[in-house]
Amino acid sequence: MLNVYRLEEGRLAELESDSGRTQLNDAHWFELVAPTAEELKAVQAFCLTPLPDSREIEELEASSHHLSSN
């Protein structure tokens, strides 16, 4: 799932999908939750940078639980 947001009056506002295609050019923030390959490809093309794969994200999430508050 891909949710796209832009800033409006200092707050994030979700952009509506237009016939299944979200307006990426207006985006300030992307939320990817179990994205499809097509959604990942679209966001990577827009950002011009590779995104971490699900294994890398899981490793980051797991390691964050072991950080010390000291």
C-alpha atoms as a PDB file:
ATOM      1  CA  MET A   1       0.000   0.000   0.000  1.00  0.00           C
ATOM      2  CA  LEU A   2       1.278   3.446  -0.906  1.00  0.00           C
ATOM      3  CA  ASN A   3      -0.022   6.555   0.821  1.00  0.00           C
ATOM      4  CA  VAL A   4       1.226   9.934  -0.336  1.00  0.00           C
ATOM      5  CA  TYR A   5       1.098  13.175   1.637  1.00  0.00           C
ATOM      6  CA  ARG A   6       1.965  16.824   1.069  1.00  0.00           C
ATOM      7  CA  LEU A   7       2.322  19.745   3.437  1.00  0.00           C
ATOM      8  CA  GLU A   8      -0.714  21.963   3.741  1.00  0.00           C
ATOM      9  CA  GLU A   9      -0.625  24.790   6.255  1.00  0.00           C
ATOM     10  CA  GLY A  10       2.203  23.077   8.149  1.00  0.00           C
ATOM     11  CA  ARG A  11       0.480  19.691   8.365  1.00  0.00           C
ATOM     12  CA  LEU A  12       0.616  16.521   6.320  1.00  0.00           C
ATOM     13  CA  ALA A  13      -2.482  15.983   4.203  1.00  0.00           C
ATOM     14  CA  GLU A  14      -3.042  12.737   2.336  1.00  0.00           C
ATOM     15  CA  LEU A  15      -3.328  13.093  -1.421  1.00  0.00           C
ATOM     16  CA  GLU A  16      -6.242  11.401  -3.101  1.00  0.00           C
ATOM     17  CA  SER A  17      -5.509   8.717  -5.655  1.00  0.00           C
ATOM     18  CA  ASP A  18      -6.475   9.622  -9.213  1.00  0.00           C
ATOM     19  CA  SER A  19      -7.660   6.508 -11.097  1.00  0.00           C
ATOM     20  CA  GLY A  20      -5.215   4.378  -9.101  1.00  0.00           C
ATOM     21  CA  ARG A  21      -2.295   6.758  -9.754  1.00  0.00           C
ATOM     22  CA  THR A  22      -1.239   9.041  -6.940  1.00  0.00           C
ATOM     23  CA  GLN A  23       0.166  12.467  -7.727  1.00  0.00           C
ATOM     24  CA  LEU A  24       3.804  11.801  -6.789  1.00  0.00           C
ATOM     25  CA  ASN A  25       5.002  15.180  -8.034  1.00  0.00           C
ATOM     26  CA  ASP A  26       3.117  16.948  -5.219  1.00  0.00           C
ATOM     27  CA  ALA A  27       4.394  14.591  -2.522  1.00  0.00           C
ATOM     28  CA  HIS A  28       6.425  15.555   0.534  1.00  0.00           C
ATOM     29  CA  TRP A  29       6.053  12.233   2.356  1.00  0.00           C
ATOM     30  CA  PHE A  30       5.519   8.617   1.309  1.00  0.00           C
ATOM     31  CA  GLU A  31       4.170   5.827   3.474  1.00  0.00           C
ATOM     32  CA  LEU A  32       4.811   2.328   2.138  1.00  0.00           C
ATOM     33  CA  VAL A  33       3.124  -0.565   3.945  1.00  0.00           C
ATOM     34  CA  ALA A  34       3.680  -3.958   2.312  1.00  0.00           C
ATOM     35  CA  PRO A  35       4.047  -2.162  -1.043  1.00  0.00           C
ATOM     36  CA  THR A  36       3.634  -3.879  -4.368  1.00  0.00           C
ATOM     37  CA  ALA A  37       6.593  -4.091  -6.732  1.00  0.00           C
ATOM     38  CA  GLU A  38       4.920  -1.428  -8.893  1.00  0.00           C
ATOM     39  CA  GLU A  39       4.535   0.965  -5.946  1.00  0.00           C
ATOM     40  CA  LEU A  40       8.180   0.503  -4.938  1.00  0.00           C
ATOM     41  CA  LYS A  41       9.340   1.063  -8.491  1.00  0.00           C
ATOM     42  CA  ALA A  42       7.292   4.272  -8.799  1.00  0.00           C
ATOM     43  CA  VAL A  43       8.632   5.724  -5.525  1.00  0.00           C
ATOM     44  CA  GLN A  44      12.229   4.747  -6.319  1.00  0.00           C
ATOM     45  CA  ALA A  45      11.963   6.393  -9.730  1.00  0.00           C
ATOM     46  CA  PHE A  46      10.519   9.548  -8.179  1.00  0.00           C
ATOM     47  CA  CYS A  47      13.130   9.728  -5.393  1.00  0.00           C
ATOM     48  CA  LEU A  48      16.029   8.781  -7.689  1.00  0.00           C
ATOM     49  CA  THR A  49      17.467   6.662  -4.895  1.00  0.00           C
ATOM     50  CA  PRO A  50      17.271   2.984  -3.969  1.00  0.00           C
ATOM     51  CA  LEU A  51      14.984   2.107  -1.091  1.00  0.00           C
ATOM     52  CA  PRO A  52      15.914  -0.506   1.505  1.00  0.00           C
ATOM     53  CA  ASP A  53      14.397  -3.917   0.954  1.00  0.00           C
ATOM     54  CA  SER A  54      12.140  -5.551   3.540  1.00  0.00           C
ATOM     55  CA  ARG A  55      15.029  -7.585   5.048  1.00  0.00           C
ATOM     56  CA  GLU A  56      17.060  -4.411   5.663  1.00  0.00           C
ATOM     57  CA  ILE A  57      14.064  -2.728   7.268  1.00  0.00           C
ATOM     58  CA  GLU A  58      13.465  -5.705   9.559  1.00  0.00           C
ATOM     59  CA  GLU A  59      17.123  -5.595  10.642  1.00  0.00           C
ATOM     60  CA  LEU A  60      16.836  -1.889  11.437  1.00  0.00           C
ATOM     61  CA  GLU A  61      13.623  -2.414  13.398  1.00  0.00           C
ATOM     62  CA  ALA A  62      15.129  -5.294  15.364  1.00  0.00           C
ATOM     63  CA  SER A  63      18.294  -3.392  16.206  1.00  0.00           C
ATOM     64  CA  SER A  64      16.324  -0.358  17.407  1.00  0.00           C
ATOM     65  CA  HIS A  65      14.935  -2.468  20.277  1.00  0.00           C
ATOM     66  CA  HIS A  66      18.448  -3.041  21.595  1.00  0.00           C
ATOM     67  CA  LEU A  67      19.539   0.587  21.836  1.00  0.00           C
ATOM     68  CA  SER A  68      20.445   1.758  25.284  1.00  0.00           C
ATOM     69  CA  SER A  69      18.915   4.892  26.755  1.00  0.00           C
ATOM     70  CA  ASN A  70      22.212   5.738  28.510  1.00  0.00           C
END
